[in-house]
Amino acid sequence: MLPYAAYLRVYEPLSAFGEPDRSCWAAYAAAHERLRRGGALEAEHAEAMRRLIAVPPIVAPARESEEAYVRRADGVVYICPWQTRLRSWLALGRLRATLPPSLTDTFVPRRIAEGAAADFARWNAHYPSIRTHILTSTWHVPLAWFVPFGPPERWLVLGGGSPNSDGGPATVTRTLIYVTTMAQARRRVARALGAVRRGLPGPGGLPANSYPYGDQGSPAGGPRAGGDTGAGYDRAEGRGPSGAAGPSGGAGPSGGTPPPGAMPRRGGGRHAGGSRRRDAPRQRDSPRHAGGSGHPGAGRRGASPSGPPPTAAAGEIEEIGRWLEEFHPRALVELDYGGLVHLLDDGALQADQSVAEVAAAITGLETGELELAVAMYQRLRNRWRALQAAETAS
């Protein structure tokens, strides 16, 4: 897990978990000594660093994490399991799938990687679902991740103390998050997907030469996000956020090829392969992700300077929608800027209105105000391109 990463998380109510997971998570949430937000972030970073600097490196912990991020809202307890072991396996698989073997072996010796792949295969034989509650993106927030949220759901902490959402002690951790209900998130994704599809060049959409996001007349680079400005979610009973960043997630570790369902599928409880939820729909595979992050909405490498083609933008929004459909309908969805807040000063964080700009861009597509859509998209693109440049400079 890198320190400069953003996270998209789903918190499910305790009722979404089958036994014995439900009882275990209920006891965990009630435990006074469990990790809170700031401590959880530091603990995960420390654990990842210990495994990374070990000789030989430890690809994944020997046991699945028993930690989770906890939220409370309207008297309901919500759980987002860390799933460190599973996500580490998936991250290794993505690494092996996207880098040449010579580079992969530099990071993880082949013998270690093959051993981890074998461990994953044995685990996967007993727990076929590889759904994870957390998606990770390094050095930027994929624009599609802004789709599920509305501007009133923004929660910014620059320091100075703010109560935890679960009633814990005050935190001074710099934080920028958005939290919404699953119902709102799904509605916004559906709205954005419809607007982007209608904005595609060709039959039923914009004329081929009028798509607003292409450079020099090219249709490349549609908006990857959308949303609305609906009523804001009650921020966990009026208190600050609880839960923190997780390790890297991704695709499976076997043979350099992500396993089916590189985008997580339904299933898994306390250990991500536990009892199946009572309301679980059928499992379904999803496309493998060829991009650098290997998760729904992640930016594809090799795209034009404007961003992905419009069809890719629609595809990324659709993937986010499919991922959200895998969870309980009363779950909560959280976008956390995570370690990215340390790349931005206070002024930049206060000025960041990416969700509002995405909402305006989608509205522009819906109403035919292409100039508005272009302006909002250009602002988003320029802001996040500048931040991503820090990756190559580091």
Protein backbone atom coordinates (compact mmCIF):
# COMPACT_ATOMS: atom_id res chain seq x y z
CA MET A 1 0.00 0.00 0.00
CA LEU A 2 1.41 3.36 -1.03
CA PRO A 3 0.91 6.45 1.14
CA TYR A 4 -0.35 8.53 -1.79
CA ALA A 5 -3.53 6.65 -2.54
CA ALA A 6 -7.27 7.31 -2.59
CA TYR A 7 -9.92 4.79 -1.63
CA LEU A 8 -13.48 3.98 -2.61
CA ARG A 9 -15.15 1.97 0.15
CA VAL A 10 -18.47 0.28 0.80
CA TYR A 11 -19.72 -0.12 4.36
CA GLU A 12 -22.44 -2.75 4.75
CA PRO A 13 -24.88 -2.98 7.67
CA LEU A 14 -24.32 -5.83 10.10
CA SER A 15 -27.49 -7.46 8.78
CA ALA A 16 -25.75 -7.98 5.42
CA PHE A 17 -23.32 -10.48 6.94
CA GLY A 18 -24.19 -14.09 7.64
CA GLU A 19 -23.17 -15.90 10.77
CA PRO A 20 -20.66 -16.24 12.31
CA ASP A 21 -19.37 -13.07 10.61
CA ARG A 22 -22.23 -10.93 11.87
CA SER A 23 -21.58 -11.73 15.52
CA CYS A 24 -17.83 -11.31 15.09
CA TRP A 25 -18.20 -7.89 13.50
CA ALA A 26 -20.77 -6.81 16.10
CA ALA A 27 -18.32 -7.65 18.88
CA TYR A 28 -15.52 -5.92 16.98
CA ALA A 29 -17.52 -2.72 16.52
CA ALA A 30 -18.34 -2.64 20.23
CA ALA A 31 -14.73 -3.21 21.32
CA HIS A 32 -13.20 -0.12 22.91
CA GLU A 33 -9.65 -1.11 21.92
CA ARG A 34 -10.25 -1.47 18.18
CA LEU A 35 -8.45 0.84 15.79
CA ARG A 36 -10.08 4.17 14.92
CA ARG A 37 -9.61 6.11 11.70
CA GLY A 38 -6.21 7.71 12.23
CA GLY A 39 -4.79 4.65 13.93
CA ALA A 40 -6.11 2.34 11.23
CA LEU A 41 -4.42 4.31 8.48
CA GLU A 42 -1.10 4.31 10.29
CA ALA A 43 -1.39 0.62 11.16
CA GLU A 44 -2.03 -0.39 7.57
CA HIS A 45 0.87 1.68 6.29
CA ALA A 46 3.17 0.20 8.92
CA GLU A 47 2.09 -3.35 8.17
CA ALA A 48 2.55 -2.87 4.44
CA MET A 49 6.02 -1.41 4.95
CA ARG A 50 7.07 -4.29 7.20
CA ARG A 51 6.07 -6.79 4.54
CA LEU A 52 7.68 -4.74 1.78
CA ILE A 53 11.09 -4.39 3.40
CA ALA A 54 11.24 -7.98 4.65
CA VAL A 55 13.85 -10.25 3.06
CA PRO A 56 12.42 -11.90 1.08
CA PRO A 57 9.37 -9.63 0.72
CA ILE A 58 6.10 -10.92 2.16
CA VAL A 59 3.49 -10.62 -0.59
CA ALA A 60 0.48 -11.26 1.65
CA PRO A 61 0.01 -11.90 5.36
CA ALA A 62 -0.35 -15.51 6.47
CA ARG A 63 -3.87 -14.86 7.79
CA GLU A 64 -6.66 -12.58 6.71
CA SER A 65 -7.00 -9.36 8.66
CA GLU A 66 -9.62 -9.26 11.38
CA GLU A 67 -9.79 -5.46 11.28
CA ALA A 68 -12.46 -3.31 9.66
CA TYR A 69 -13.57 0.29 9.29
CA VAL A 70 -16.71 1.06 11.25
CA ARG A 71 -19.40 3.66 10.80
CA ARG A 72 -22.58 4.37 12.72
CA ALA A 73 -25.57 6.22 11.31
CA ASP A 74 -29.11 6.42 12.66
CA GLY A 75 -28.38 3.69 15.17
CA VAL A 76 -27.10 1.23 12.53
CA VAL A 77 -23.56 -0.19 12.57
CA TYR A 78 -21.81 -0.42 9.20
CA ILE A 79 -18.72 -2.52 8.50
CA CYS A 80 -16.04 -2.28 5.78
CA PRO A 81 -13.60 -5.20 6.21
CA TRP A 82 -9.93 -4.54 5.46
CA GLN A 83 -9.42 -7.86 3.60
CA THR A 84 -5.67 -7.23 3.58
CA ARG A 85 -4.64 -10.73 2.51
CA LEU A 86 -7.08 -10.97 -0.39
CA ARG A 87 -6.33 -7.47 -1.64
CA SER A 88 -2.59 -8.14 -1.47
CA TRP A 89 -3.00 -11.26 -3.60
CA LEU A 90 -5.10 -9.33 -6.09
CA ALA A 91 -2.56 -6.51 -6.21
CA LEU A 92 0.20 -8.99 -7.03
CA GLY A 93 -1.89 -10.45 -9.82
CA ARG A 94 -2.45 -7.02 -11.29
CA LEU A 95 1.25 -6.27 -11.09
CA ARG A 96 2.14 -9.49 -12.89
CA ALA A 97 -0.53 -8.87 -15.50
CA THR A 98 0.54 -5.33 -16.36
CA LEU A 99 4.35 -5.37 -16.14
CA PRO A 100 6.93 -7.40 -18.11
CA PRO A 101 8.24 -10.41 -16.16
CA SER A 102 11.69 -8.84 -15.90
CA LEU A 103 10.25 -5.84 -14.03
CA THR A 104 7.90 -7.93 -11.94
CA ASP A 105 10.78 -10.12 -10.77
CA THR A 106 12.60 -6.98 -9.65
CA PHE A 107 9.81 -6.13 -7.24
CA VAL A 108 8.87 -9.67 -6.22
CA PRO A 109 11.20 -12.63 -6.87
CA ARG A 110 9.53 -15.19 -9.09
CA ARG A 111 9.74 -17.92 -6.45
CA ILE A 112 7.90 -15.73 -3.94
CA ALA A 113 5.30 -14.67 -6.49
CA GLU A 114 4.61 -18.23 -7.57
CA GLY A 115 4.27 -19.29 -3.95
CA ALA A 116 1.74 -16.52 -3.35
CA ALA A 117 -0.14 -17.55 -6.50
CA ALA A 118 -0.35 -21.11 -5.19
CA ASP A 119 -1.62 -19.88 -1.83
CA PHE A 120 -4.26 -17.81 -3.57
CA ALA A 121 -5.34 -20.75 -5.73
CA ARG A 122 -5.81 -22.95 -2.67
CA TRP A 123 -7.79 -20.24 -0.91
CA ASN A 124 -9.87 -19.51 -4.00
CA ALA A 125 -10.81 -23.18 -4.34
CA HIS A 126 -12.67 -22.89 -1.02
CA TYR A 127 -13.83 -19.28 -1.38
CA PRO A 128 -14.66 -18.60 -5.05
CA SER A 129 -15.79 -15.03 -4.45
CA ILE A 130 -13.14 -12.32 -4.60
CA ARG A 131 -15.33 -9.35 -3.83
CA THR A 132 -13.54 -6.60 -1.92
CA HIS A 133 -15.13 -3.69 -0.11
CA ILE A 134 -12.30 -1.30 -0.99
CA LEU A 135 -10.88 -0.04 -4.28
CA THR A 136 -7.52 1.73 -4.36
CA SER A 137 -6.03 4.29 -6.74
CA THR A 138 -2.52 5.71 -6.37
CA TRP A 139 -1.61 9.34 -7.11
CA HIS A 140 -5.08 10.40 -8.26
CA VAL A 141 -8.81 9.89 -7.91
CA PRO A 142 -10.28 8.32 -11.08
CA LEU A 143 -12.92 10.70 -12.38
CA ALA A 144 -15.53 7.93 -12.42
CA TRP A 145 -15.20 7.69 -8.65
CA PHE A 146 -16.81 11.11 -8.26
CA VAL A 147 -19.98 9.89 -9.94
CA PRO A 148 -21.79 8.42 -6.90
CA PHE A 149 -21.54 11.54 -4.75
CA GLY A 150 -23.14 14.97 -4.42
CA PRO A 151 -21.52 18.25 -3.33
CA PRO A 152 -23.36 18.47 0.03
CA GLU A 153 -21.79 15.16 1.09
CA ARG A 154 -18.29 16.64 1.28
CA TRP A 155 -16.44 16.40 4.60
CA LEU A 156 -13.15 18.30 4.92
CA VAL A 157 -10.88 18.29 7.97
CA LEU A 158 -7.69 20.35 7.75
CA GLY A 159 -6.64 19.71 11.36
CA GLY A 160 -7.43 21.06 14.77
CA GLY A 161 -9.65 18.24 15.96
CA SER A 162 -12.97 16.83 14.96
CA PRO A 163 -14.96 14.02 16.60
CA ASN A 164 -14.89 10.55 15.10
CA SER A 165 -18.10 9.31 13.52
CA ASP A 166 -18.31 6.48 16.04
CA GLY A 167 -17.89 8.64 19.10
CA GLY A 168 -14.15 8.05 19.52
CA PRO A 169 -11.62 10.69 20.50
CA ALA A 170 -11.04 13.73 18.32
CA THR A 171 -8.80 13.38 15.30
CA VAL A 172 -6.49 15.93 13.71
CA THR A 173 -5.89 13.84 10.61
CA ARG A 174 -6.18 15.81 7.38
CA THR A 175 -9.14 14.30 5.60
CA LEU A 176 -11.31 14.89 2.58
CA ILE A 177 -14.12 12.41 2.11
CA TYR A 178 -17.57 12.08 0.63
CA VAL A 179 -20.18 9.70 2.06
CA THR A 180 -23.54 8.80 0.55
CA THR A 181 -26.18 6.10 0.70
CA MET A 182 -26.09 3.21 -1.73
CA ALA A 183 -29.46 4.26 -3.17
CA GLN A 184 -28.16 7.74 -3.98
CA ALA A 185 -24.93 6.35 -5.40
CA ARG A 186 -26.74 3.98 -7.76
CA ARG A 187 -29.12 6.68 -8.95
CA ARG A 188 -26.27 9.06 -9.73
CA VAL A 189 -24.32 6.39 -11.58
CA ALA A 190 -27.37 5.52 -13.69
CA ARG A 191 -27.98 9.19 -14.45
CA ALA A 192 -24.35 9.82 -15.39
CA LEU A 193 -24.14 6.72 -17.56
CA GLY A 194 -27.24 7.77 -19.48
CA ALA A 195 -25.90 11.28 -20.00
CA VAL A 196 -22.50 10.09 -21.21
CA ARG A 197 -24.01 7.51 -23.55
CA ARG A 198 -26.32 10.10 -25.04
CA GLY A 199 -23.29 12.32 -25.46
CA LEU A 200 -21.37 9.72 -27.46
CA PRO A 201 -20.72 10.63 -31.10
CA GLY A 202 -22.83 8.84 -33.65
CA PRO A 203 -26.45 7.63 -33.98
CA GLY A 204 -28.61 8.73 -31.09
CA GLY A 205 -25.90 10.97 -29.63
CA LEU A 206 -23.84 14.00 -30.52
CA PRO A 207 -22.57 14.50 -34.05
CA ALA A 208 -19.20 12.82 -34.48
CA ASN A 209 -17.34 16.13 -34.73
CA SER A 210 -18.99 17.79 -31.73
CA TYR A 211 -18.01 15.62 -28.78
CA PRO A 212 -16.78 18.16 -26.25
CA TYR A 213 -13.86 16.30 -24.68
CA GLY A 214 -11.61 15.56 -27.63
CA ASP A 215 -8.40 17.42 -28.42
CA GLN A 216 -7.99 18.74 -31.96
CA GLY A 217 -11.31 17.36 -33.11
CA SER A 218 -10.76 13.91 -31.68
CA PRO A 219 -13.59 12.34 -29.70
CA ALA A 220 -11.06 11.01 -27.19
CA GLY A 221 -11.37 11.87 -23.56
CA GLY A 222 -14.95 11.88 -22.34
CA PRO A 223 -15.86 12.68 -18.79
CA ARG A 224 -15.47 9.75 -16.47
CA ALA A 225 -17.79 10.98 -13.85
CA GLY A 226 -21.18 12.38 -13.05
CA GLY A 227 -23.56 12.94 -10.22
CA ASP A 228 -26.13 15.33 -8.96
CA THR A 229 -26.54 17.89 -6.27
CA GLY A 230 -29.19 16.06 -4.30
CA ALA A 231 -29.63 16.23 -0.56
CA GLY A 232 -26.52 15.41 1.39
CA TYR A 233 -26.20 12.28 3.47
CA ASP A 234 -26.31 12.64 7.23
CA ARG A 235 -22.62 12.38 8.02
CA ALA A 236 -22.74 9.51 10.48
CA GLU A 237 -25.02 11.09 13.07
CA GLY A 238 -23.41 14.50 12.64
CA ARG A 239 -19.98 13.32 13.70
CA GLY A 240 -16.76 13.06 11.74
CA PRO A 241 -15.84 10.08 9.55
CA SER A 242 -14.69 6.72 10.83
CA GLY A 243 -12.66 4.19 8.84
CA ALA A 244 -9.38 4.60 7.01
CA ALA A 245 -7.30 3.69 4.04
CA GLY A 246 -6.49 0.14 3.08
CA PRO A 247 -3.80 -1.76 1.23
CA SER A 248 -3.65 -2.05 -2.48
CA GLY A 249 -6.37 -4.07 -4.16
CA GLY A 250 -6.60 -5.43 -7.66
CA ALA A 251 -6.58 -8.63 -9.65
CA GLY A 252 -5.51 -12.16 -8.77
CA PRO A 253 -1.91 -13.34 -8.56
CA SER A 254 -1.85 -16.41 -10.74
CA GLY A 255 0.49 -16.63 -13.70
CA GLY A 256 0.46 -12.94 -14.55
CA THR A 257 -3.23 -13.05 -15.48
CA PRO A 258 -5.94 -11.61 -13.25
CA PRO A 259 -8.45 -14.25 -12.14
CA PRO A 260 -12.04 -13.99 -13.33
CA GLY A 261 -13.71 -11.11 -11.55
CA ALA A 262 -10.74 -8.80 -11.21
CA MET A 263 -13.44 -6.34 -10.28
CA PRO A 264 -14.62 -7.84 -6.98
CA ARG A 265 -17.68 -10.04 -7.01
CA ARG A 266 -20.31 -10.60 -4.36
CA GLY A 267 -19.51 -12.81 -1.44
CA GLY A 268 -17.25 -12.84 1.53
CA GLY A 269 -17.78 -11.70 5.02
CA ARG A 270 -15.24 -11.39 7.78
CA HIS A 271 -12.53 -13.01 5.68
CA ALA A 272 -13.83 -12.12 2.22
CA GLY A 273 -14.63 -15.72 1.50
CA GLY A 274 -17.02 -16.36 4.32
CA SER A 275 -20.71 -17.04 4.48
CA ARG A 276 -22.72 -15.80 1.55
CA ARG A 277 -25.12 -12.97 2.20
CA ARG A 278 -28.77 -13.85 2.35
CA ASP A 279 -29.72 -11.36 -0.35
CA ALA A 280 -26.72 -12.19 -2.56
CA PRO A 281 -27.50 -12.26 -6.30
CA ARG A 282 -25.73 -14.61 -8.63
CA GLN A 283 -22.03 -14.05 -9.06
CA ARG A 284 -20.89 -12.65 -12.33
CA ASP A 285 -17.53 -12.09 -13.85
CA SER A 286 -16.46 -8.64 -14.91
CA PRO A 287 -13.96 -7.32 -17.42
CA ARG A 288 -10.31 -7.43 -16.52
CA HIS A 289 -8.73 -4.07 -16.18
CA ALA A 290 -5.77 -3.24 -18.33
CA GLY A 291 -5.06 0.07 -16.66
CA GLY A 292 -2.44 1.00 -14.14
CA SER A 293 -4.70 0.57 -11.14
CA GLY A 294 -6.73 -2.39 -12.32
CA HIS A 295 -10.04 -1.41 -10.73
CA PRO A 296 -13.33 0.07 -11.83
CA GLY A 297 -12.89 3.64 -12.96
CA ALA A 298 -9.11 3.56 -12.92
CA GLY A 299 -7.42 5.56 -15.66
CA ARG A 300 -6.05 3.50 -18.50
CA ARG A 301 -2.47 4.08 -19.43
CA GLY A 302 -1.88 5.03 -23.01
CA ALA A 303 -5.06 7.09 -23.34
CA SER A 304 -5.01 10.35 -25.22
CA PRO A 305 -3.99 13.54 -23.36
CA SER A 306 -7.67 14.36 -22.90
CA GLY A 307 -8.39 11.12 -21.06
CA PRO A 308 -10.12 7.93 -22.19
CA PRO A 309 -12.30 7.72 -25.27
CA PRO A 310 -16.01 8.37 -24.64
CA THR A 311 -16.79 4.67 -24.86
CA ALA A 312 -14.14 4.01 -22.20
CA ALA A 313 -15.68 6.71 -20.01
CA ALA A 314 -19.08 5.03 -20.26
CA GLY A 315 -17.47 1.67 -19.57
CA GLU A 316 -15.74 2.93 -16.43
CA ILE A 317 -18.95 4.41 -15.06
CA GLU A 318 -20.76 1.19 -15.88
CA GLU A 319 -18.13 -0.83 -14.01
CA ILE A 320 -18.57 1.34 -10.94
CA GLY A 321 -22.30 0.73 -11.17
CA ARG A 322 -21.84 -3.03 -11.42
CA TRP A 323 -19.50 -3.02 -8.44
CA LEU A 324 -22.01 -1.10 -6.34
CA GLU A 325 -24.76 -3.56 -7.28
CA GLU A 326 -22.79 -6.30 -5.54
CA PHE A 327 -23.51 -4.84 -2.10
CA HIS A 328 -26.43 -4.46 0.26
CA PRO A 329 -28.96 -1.84 -0.92
CA ARG A 330 -28.75 -0.03 2.42
CA ALA A 331 -24.96 0.15 2.45
CA LEU A 332 -22.96 3.38 2.59
CA VAL A 333 -20.40 4.44 -0.03
CA GLU A 334 -17.34 6.51 0.86
CA LEU A 335 -14.75 8.27 -1.26
CA ASP A 336 -11.62 9.03 0.76
CA TYR A 337 -8.79 11.12 -0.67
CA GLY A 338 -6.56 9.20 1.73
CA GLY A 339 -2.87 10.03 1.39
CA LEU A 340 -3.51 12.39 -1.51
CA VAL A 341 -4.35 15.12 1.02
CA HIS A 342 -0.63 15.27 1.82
CA LEU A 343 0.11 16.27 -1.78
CA LEU A 344 -2.26 19.26 -1.53
CA ASP A 345 -2.04 22.31 0.68
CA ASP A 346 -4.99 23.62 2.66
CA GLY A 347 -5.96 26.07 -0.05
CA ALA A 348 -6.00 23.37 -2.72
CA LEU A 349 -8.14 21.09 -0.56
CA GLN A 350 -10.60 23.87 0.19
CA ALA A 351 -10.81 24.78 -3.49
CA ASP A 352 -11.24 21.20 -4.68
CA GLN A 353 -14.83 20.82 -5.84
CA SER A 354 -14.36 17.84 -8.13
CA VAL A 355 -17.74 16.30 -7.30
CA ALA A 356 -19.55 19.57 -8.01
CA GLU A 357 -17.67 19.98 -11.29
CA VAL A 358 -18.58 16.45 -12.32
CA ALA A 359 -22.23 17.13 -11.53
CA ALA A 360 -22.11 20.30 -13.64
CA ALA A 361 -20.47 18.46 -16.53
CA ILE A 362 -23.17 15.79 -16.51
CA THR A 363 -25.87 18.44 -16.35
CA GLY A 364 -24.26 20.13 -19.33
CA LEU A 365 -24.39 16.89 -21.31
CA GLU A 366 -28.03 16.36 -20.35
CA THR A 367 -29.14 19.87 -21.31
CA GLY A 368 -26.98 20.27 -24.39
CA GLU A 369 -24.82 22.95 -22.77
CA LEU A 370 -21.62 21.56 -24.18
CA GLU A 371 -19.58 24.64 -23.32
CA LEU A 372 -20.40 24.08 -19.64
CA ALA A 373 -19.53 20.40 -19.89
CA VAL A 374 -16.23 21.22 -21.59
CA ALA A 375 -15.28 23.84 -19.01
CA MET A 376 -16.00 21.57 -16.05
CA TYR A 377 -14.17 18.64 -17.58
CA GLN A 378 -11.12 20.72 -18.44
CA ARG A 379 -10.90 21.95 -14.87
CA LEU A 380 -11.07 18.40 -13.56
CA ARG A 381 -8.59 17.07 -16.08
CA ASN A 382 -6.03 19.79 -15.44
CA ARG A 383 -6.25 19.47 -11.66
CA TRP A 384 -5.78 15.71 -11.57
CA ARG A 385 -3.21 15.63 -14.35
CA ALA A 386 -1.03 17.98 -12.30
CA LEU A 387 -1.32 15.72 -9.27
CA GLN A 388 -0.52 12.58 -11.27
CA ALA A 389 2.65 14.28 -12.51
CA ALA A 390 4.01 13.87 -8.98
CA GLU A 391 4.20 10.12 -9.61
CA THR A 392 6.75 10.44 -12.40
CA ALA A 393 8.65 13.10 -10.47
CA SER A 394 8.97 10.93 -7.38
